């Protein structure tokens, strides 16, 4: 699912860890896709610039999430590796994070978020 709908996988992972609400992440990714469609449909320098900024911001957010997961689960590595994996193959990085957080049920295609892990519920 991470190759076709990365926003859903990221939303499931962040919701599972209690970092960001599921619907908020989906709304952000919907806005990014809308921006992309507008950029293709219109010939605007401003939209082109916004699209370039979004193309840099999305993998940067994946790298930041990866770093946060590394801290939460005490996984060895560093920020440089997180940035490299997010920019080289963001779907691979997202799939790895979703698997580690158990953000989905293996063998199923579900667009729902699983419940937040017990230790990460905000009080």
N, C-alpha and C. Protein backbone atom coordinates (compact mmCIF):
# COMPACT_ATOMS: atom_id res chain seq x y z
N UNK A 1 0.81 -1.19 0.00
CA UNK A 1 0.00 0.00 0.00
C UNK A 1 0.86 1.26 0.00
N UNK A 2 2.07 1.19 0.51
CA UNK A 2 2.90 2.38 0.61
C UNK A 2 3.29 2.94 -0.75
N UNK A 3 3.33 2.10 -1.78
CA UNK A 3 3.67 2.60 -3.11
C UNK A 3 2.49 3.31 -3.76
N UNK A 4 1.27 2.86 -3.49
CA UNK A 4 0.09 3.46 -4.11
C UNK A 4 -0.53 4.57 -3.27
N UNK A 5 -0.56 4.38 -1.97
CA UNK A 5 -1.18 5.35 -1.05
C UNK A 5 -0.26 5.60 0.14
N UNK A 6 0.85 6.31 -0.07
CA UNK A 6 1.77 6.52 1.05
C UNK A 6 1.16 7.32 2.19
N UNK A 7 0.23 8.21 1.87
CA UNK A 7 -0.41 9.00 2.92
C UNK A 7 -1.17 8.15 3.91
N UNK A 8 -1.81 7.09 3.42
CA UNK A 8 -2.56 6.19 4.31
C UNK A 8 -1.60 5.46 5.25
N UNK A 9 -0.51 4.95 4.71
CA UNK A 9 0.47 4.23 5.55
C UNK A 9 1.10 5.14 6.58
N UNK A 10 1.43 6.36 6.17
CA UNK A 10 2.02 7.31 7.12
C UNK A 10 0.99 7.69 8.19
N UNK A 11 -0.26 7.89 7.78
CA UNK A 11 -1.31 8.22 8.74
C UNK A 11 -1.53 7.08 9.73
N UNK A 12 -1.52 5.84 9.24
CA UNK A 12 -1.69 4.69 10.14
C UNK A 12 -0.53 4.61 11.13
N UNK A 13 0.68 4.85 10.66
CA UNK A 13 1.86 4.76 11.53
C UNK A 13 1.85 5.86 12.58
N UNK A 14 1.60 7.10 12.16
CA UNK A 14 1.60 8.20 13.13
C UNK A 14 0.47 8.06 14.14
N UNK A 15 -0.68 7.57 13.69
CA UNK A 15 -1.80 7.36 14.61
C UNK A 15 -1.48 6.23 15.59
N UNK A 16 -0.85 5.18 15.10
CA UNK A 16 -0.49 4.04 15.95
C UNK A 16 0.46 4.46 17.06
N UNK A 17 1.34 5.41 16.74
CA UNK A 17 2.31 5.88 17.74
C UNK A 17 1.78 7.06 18.55
N UNK A 18 0.60 7.54 18.21
CA UNK A 18 0.01 8.66 18.95
C UNK A 18 0.68 9.98 18.67
N UNK A 19 1.32 10.12 17.51
CA UNK A 19 2.04 11.35 17.19
C UNK A 19 1.13 12.40 16.55
N UNK A 20 0.35 12.00 15.57
CA UNK A 20 -0.54 12.90 14.85
C UNK A 20 -1.84 12.15 14.57
N UNK A 21 -2.95 12.86 14.55
CA UNK A 21 -4.24 12.22 14.26
C UNK A 21 -4.27 11.70 12.83
N UNK A 22 -4.93 10.58 12.66
CA UNK A 22 -5.03 9.90 11.37
C UNK A 22 -5.63 10.81 10.29
N UNK A 23 -6.75 11.44 10.60
CA UNK A 23 -7.44 12.28 9.61
C UNK A 23 -6.61 13.49 9.20
N UNK A 24 -5.85 14.05 10.12
CA UNK A 24 -5.03 15.21 9.80
C UNK A 24 -3.97 14.86 8.76
N UNK A 25 -3.32 13.73 8.93
CA UNK A 25 -2.29 13.31 7.96
C UNK A 25 -2.93 13.04 6.60
N UNK A 26 -4.10 12.42 6.59
CA UNK A 26 -4.80 12.18 5.32
C UNK A 26 -5.16 13.50 4.64
N UNK A 27 -5.57 14.49 5.41
CA UNK A 27 -5.92 15.79 4.84
C UNK A 27 -4.70 16.48 4.25
N UNK A 28 -3.57 16.37 4.92
CA UNK A 28 -2.34 16.97 4.40
C UNK A 28 -1.95 16.31 3.08
N UNK A 29 -2.01 14.99 3.02
CA UNK A 29 -1.66 14.30 1.77
C UNK A 29 -2.68 14.59 0.67
N UNK A 30 -3.95 14.75 1.01
CA UNK A 30 -4.95 15.12 0.01
C UNK A 30 -4.64 16.51 -0.55
N UNK A 31 -4.22 17.42 0.31
CA UNK A 31 -3.84 18.76 -0.14
C UNK A 31 -2.62 18.70 -1.05
N UNK A 32 -1.66 17.83 -0.74
CA UNK A 32 -0.48 17.69 -1.60
C UNK A 32 -0.86 17.15 -2.97
N UNK A 33 -1.76 16.17 -3.02
CA UNK A 33 -2.21 15.64 -4.31
C UNK A 33 -2.99 16.68 -5.09
N UNK A 34 -3.80 17.48 -4.40
CA UNK A 34 -4.53 18.55 -5.07
C UNK A 34 -3.57 19.58 -5.65
N UNK A 35 -2.54 19.92 -4.89
CA UNK A 35 -1.51 20.84 -5.38
C UNK A 35 -0.85 20.28 -6.64
N UNK A 36 -0.55 19.00 -6.63
CA UNK A 36 0.07 18.37 -7.80
C UNK A 36 -0.86 18.44 -9.02
N UNK A 37 -2.14 18.15 -8.81
CA UNK A 37 -3.10 18.22 -9.92
C UNK A 37 -3.24 19.64 -10.45
N UNK A 38 -3.29 20.62 -9.57
CA UNK A 38 -3.37 22.01 -10.00
C UNK A 38 -2.13 22.43 -10.77
N UNK A 39 -0.97 21.96 -10.33
CA UNK A 39 0.27 22.30 -11.00
C UNK A 39 0.30 21.73 -12.41
N UNK A 40 -0.21 20.52 -12.58
CA UNK A 40 -0.26 19.91 -13.91
C UNK A 40 -1.27 20.63 -14.80
N UNK A 41 -2.41 21.01 -14.23
CA UNK A 41 -3.48 21.63 -15.01
C UNK A 41 -3.20 23.08 -15.39
N UNK A 42 -2.48 23.80 -14.55
CA UNK A 42 -2.24 25.22 -14.79
C UNK A 42 -0.75 25.46 -15.01
N UNK A 43 -0.46 26.48 -15.76
CA UNK A 43 0.94 26.84 -15.98
C UNK A 43 1.24 28.08 -15.14
N UNK A 44 1.62 27.83 -13.89
CA UNK A 44 1.85 28.93 -12.96
C UNK A 44 3.20 28.73 -12.27
N UNK A 45 4.01 29.77 -12.27
CA UNK A 45 5.31 29.70 -11.62
C UNK A 45 5.16 29.51 -10.11
N UNK A 46 4.15 30.12 -9.53
CA UNK A 46 3.92 30.00 -8.08
C UNK A 46 3.56 28.56 -7.73
N UNK A 47 2.66 27.96 -8.50
CA UNK A 47 2.29 26.57 -8.24
C UNK A 47 3.47 25.63 -8.46
N UNK A 48 4.27 25.92 -9.47
CA UNK A 48 5.47 25.10 -9.70
C UNK A 48 6.42 25.18 -8.51
N UNK A 49 6.60 26.37 -7.97
CA UNK A 49 7.46 26.54 -6.80
C UNK A 49 6.89 25.81 -5.59
N UNK A 50 5.58 25.93 -5.37
CA UNK A 50 4.95 25.22 -4.25
C UNK A 50 5.08 23.71 -4.41
N UNK A 51 4.99 23.23 -5.63
CA UNK A 51 5.12 21.80 -5.88
C UNK A 51 6.55 21.32 -5.57
N UNK A 52 7.54 22.12 -5.92
CA UNK A 52 8.93 21.77 -5.62
C UNK A 52 9.15 21.76 -4.10
N UNK A 53 8.60 22.75 -3.42
CA UNK A 53 8.71 22.80 -1.95
C UNK A 53 8.05 21.57 -1.34
N UNK A 54 6.88 21.20 -1.84
CA UNK A 54 6.18 20.01 -1.33
C UNK A 54 6.97 18.74 -1.62
N UNK A 55 7.62 18.69 -2.78
CA UNK A 55 8.42 17.51 -3.14
C UNK A 55 9.63 17.35 -2.23
N UNK A 56 10.07 18.43 -1.64
CA UNK A 56 11.18 18.36 -0.68
C UNK A 56 10.64 18.14 0.73
N UNK A 57 9.51 18.75 1.04
CA UNK A 57 8.95 18.65 2.40
C UNK A 57 8.42 17.26 2.72
N UNK A 58 7.82 16.58 1.76
CA UNK A 58 7.23 15.26 2.04
C UNK A 58 8.29 14.24 2.47
N UNK A 59 9.39 14.05 1.71
CA UNK A 59 10.41 13.12 2.19
C UNK A 59 11.10 13.60 3.48
N UNK A 60 11.17 14.92 3.65
CA UNK A 60 11.75 15.45 4.89
C UNK A 60 10.89 15.06 6.09
N UNK A 61 9.58 15.09 5.92
CA UNK A 61 8.67 14.67 6.99
C UNK A 61 8.81 13.18 7.27
N UNK A 62 9.00 12.39 6.22
CA UNK A 62 9.22 10.94 6.40
C UNK A 62 10.52 10.71 7.18
N UNK A 63 11.57 11.46 6.84
CA UNK A 63 12.84 11.33 7.56
C UNK A 63 12.68 11.72 9.02
N UNK A 64 11.92 12.77 9.27
CA UNK A 64 11.70 13.21 10.66
C UNK A 64 10.91 12.16 11.45
N UNK A 65 9.90 11.58 10.81
CA UNK A 65 9.13 10.52 11.46
C UNK A 65 10.02 9.32 11.75
N UNK A 66 10.89 8.98 10.81
CA UNK A 66 11.81 7.86 10.99
C UNK A 66 12.75 8.11 12.18
N UNK A 67 13.24 9.34 12.29
CA UNK A 67 14.10 9.69 13.42
C UNK A 67 13.34 9.60 14.73
N UNK A 68 12.09 10.07 14.73
CA UNK A 68 11.25 9.99 15.94
C UNK A 68 11.02 8.54 16.34
N UNK A 69 10.75 7.68 15.36
CA UNK A 69 10.55 6.25 15.66
C UNK A 69 11.83 5.63 16.21
N UNK A 70 12.96 6.04 15.66
CA UNK A 70 14.24 5.52 16.14
C UNK A 70 14.43 5.86 17.61
N UNK A 71 14.04 7.07 17.99
CA UNK A 71 14.16 7.47 19.40
C UNK A 71 13.16 6.71 20.27
N UNK A 72 11.91 6.57 19.80
CA UNK A 72 10.87 5.90 20.59
C UNK A 72 11.19 4.43 20.84
N UNK A 73 11.72 3.76 19.82
CA UNK A 73 11.98 2.32 19.92
C UNK A 73 13.45 1.99 20.20
N UNK A 74 14.26 3.02 20.42
CA UNK A 74 15.69 2.84 20.71
C UNK A 74 16.37 2.01 19.61
N UNK A 75 16.18 2.42 18.37
CA UNK A 75 16.77 1.74 17.21
C UNK A 75 18.06 2.45 16.85
N UNK A 76 19.15 1.71 16.64
CA UNK A 76 20.41 2.36 16.27
C UNK A 76 20.34 2.97 14.87
N UNK A 77 21.16 3.97 14.65
CA UNK A 77 21.22 4.64 13.35
C UNK A 77 21.37 6.13 13.57
N UNK A 78 21.27 6.90 12.49
CA UNK A 78 21.40 8.35 12.62
C UNK A 78 20.51 9.08 11.62
N UNK A 79 20.45 10.39 11.77
CA UNK A 79 19.59 11.23 10.95
C UNK A 79 19.98 11.19 9.48
N UNK A 80 21.26 11.09 9.20
CA UNK A 80 21.72 11.06 7.81
C UNK A 80 21.15 9.85 7.08
N UNK A 81 21.15 8.70 7.73
CA UNK A 81 20.56 7.49 7.13
C UNK A 81 19.06 7.65 6.93
N UNK A 82 18.40 8.32 7.87
CA UNK A 82 16.96 8.55 7.74
C UNK A 82 16.66 9.43 6.53
N UNK A 83 17.42 10.50 6.37
CA UNK A 83 17.22 11.40 5.23
C UNK A 83 17.52 10.67 3.92
N UNK A 84 18.60 9.91 3.90
CA UNK A 84 18.96 9.18 2.67
C UNK A 84 17.87 8.18 2.29
N UNK A 85 17.39 7.42 3.24
CA UNK A 85 16.36 6.42 2.91
C UNK A 85 15.05 7.09 2.52
N UNK A 86 14.71 8.22 3.12
CA UNK A 86 13.47 8.91 2.79
C UNK A 86 13.51 9.52 1.39
N UNK A 87 14.67 10.03 0.99
CA UNK A 87 14.77 10.65 -0.33
C UNK A 87 15.03 9.63 -1.43
N UNK A 88 15.75 8.55 -1.13
CA UNK A 88 16.05 7.55 -2.16
C UNK A 88 14.84 6.65 -2.41
N UNK A 89 14.20 6.17 -1.36
CA UNK A 89 13.03 5.30 -1.52
C UNK A 89 12.08 5.51 -0.35
N UNK A 90 11.31 6.58 -0.42
CA UNK A 90 10.36 6.90 0.65
C UNK A 90 9.35 5.78 0.89
N UNK A 91 8.79 5.14 -0.14
CA UNK A 91 7.85 4.05 0.13
C UNK A 91 8.49 2.89 0.92
N UNK A 92 9.75 2.62 0.65
CA UNK A 92 10.45 1.56 1.40
C UNK A 92 10.59 1.95 2.87
N UNK A 93 10.96 3.21 3.12
CA UNK A 93 11.11 3.69 4.49
C UNK A 93 9.76 3.67 5.21
N UNK A 94 8.70 4.08 4.52
CA UNK A 94 7.37 4.09 5.13
C UNK A 94 6.90 2.67 5.43
N UNK A 95 7.14 1.75 4.51
CA UNK A 95 6.75 0.35 4.73
C UNK A 95 7.49 -0.24 5.93
N UNK A 96 8.77 0.08 6.05
CA UNK A 96 9.54 -0.42 7.18
C UNK A 96 9.00 0.13 8.50
N UNK A 97 8.68 1.42 8.52
CA UNK A 97 8.14 2.02 9.75
C UNK A 97 6.77 1.43 10.09
N UNK A 98 5.92 1.25 9.09
CA UNK A 98 4.59 0.69 9.33
C UNK A 98 4.68 -0.73 9.87
N UNK A 99 5.62 -1.50 9.33
CA UNK A 99 5.81 -2.88 9.82
C UNK A 99 6.30 -2.88 11.26
N UNK A 100 7.25 -2.00 11.56
CA UNK A 100 7.81 -1.97 12.91
C UNK A 100 6.76 -1.53 13.93
N UNK A 101 5.92 -0.57 13.55
CA UNK A 101 4.89 -0.09 14.48
C UNK A 101 3.65 -0.98 14.47
N UNK A 102 3.64 -1.99 13.61
CA UNK A 102 2.48 -2.87 13.44
C UNK A 102 1.22 -2.02 13.19
N UNK A 103 1.34 -1.10 12.23
CA UNK A 103 0.28 -0.15 11.93
C UNK A 103 -0.82 -0.74 11.05
N UNK A 104 -0.66 -1.96 10.61
CA UNK A 104 -1.65 -2.61 9.75
C UNK A 104 -1.72 -4.08 10.10
N UNK A 105 -2.76 -4.73 9.63
CA UNK A 105 -2.89 -6.18 9.81
C UNK A 105 -2.26 -6.86 8.60
N UNK A 106 -1.22 -7.68 8.80
CA UNK A 106 -0.56 -8.33 7.66
C UNK A 106 -1.54 -9.14 6.82
N UNK A 107 -1.37 -9.04 5.52
CA UNK A 107 -2.20 -9.80 4.60
C UNK A 107 -3.54 -9.16 4.27
N UNK A 108 -3.78 -7.96 4.80
CA UNK A 108 -5.04 -7.27 4.51
C UNK A 108 -4.74 -5.89 3.94
N UNK A 109 -5.71 -5.34 3.24
CA UNK A 109 -5.61 -3.98 2.72
C UNK A 109 -6.68 -3.15 3.42
N UNK A 110 -6.29 -2.46 4.46
CA UNK A 110 -7.24 -1.71 5.27
C UNK A 110 -6.85 -0.24 5.29
N UNK A 111 -7.83 0.62 5.14
CA UNK A 111 -7.58 2.05 5.17
C UNK A 111 -7.89 2.65 6.54
N UNK A 112 -8.18 1.81 7.51
CA UNK A 112 -8.48 2.26 8.87
C UNK A 112 -7.21 2.30 9.70
N UNK A 113 -7.24 3.15 10.71
CA UNK A 113 -6.11 3.22 11.65
C UNK A 113 -6.32 2.22 12.76
N UNK A 114 -5.25 1.58 13.18
CA UNK A 114 -5.33 0.71 14.35
C UNK A 114 -5.25 1.57 15.59
N UNK A 115 -5.59 0.99 16.72
CA UNK A 115 -5.56 1.75 17.97
C UNK A 115 -4.12 2.13 18.32
N UNK A 116 -3.99 3.21 19.06
CA UNK A 116 -2.68 3.70 19.48
C UNK A 116 -2.06 2.71 20.44
N UNK A 117 -0.75 2.50 20.31
CA UNK A 117 -0.04 1.62 21.23
C UNK A 117 -0.18 2.13 22.65
N UNK A 118 -0.31 1.23 23.58
CA UNK A 118 -0.59 1.55 24.99
C UNK A 118 0.37 2.59 25.56
N UNK A 119 1.65 2.44 25.33
CA UNK A 119 2.64 3.34 25.92
C UNK A 119 2.68 4.71 25.29
N UNK A 120 1.95 4.93 24.18
CA UNK A 120 2.02 6.19 23.46
C UNK A 120 0.72 6.98 23.49
N UNK A 121 -0.24 6.54 24.31
CA UNK A 121 -1.52 7.24 24.41
C UNK A 121 -1.29 8.54 25.17
N UNK A 122 -1.76 9.65 24.58
CA UNK A 122 -1.62 10.95 25.25
C UNK A 122 -2.69 11.10 26.30
N UNK A 123 -2.32 11.59 27.45
CA UNK A 123 -3.26 11.76 28.56
C UNK A 123 -3.82 13.16 28.56
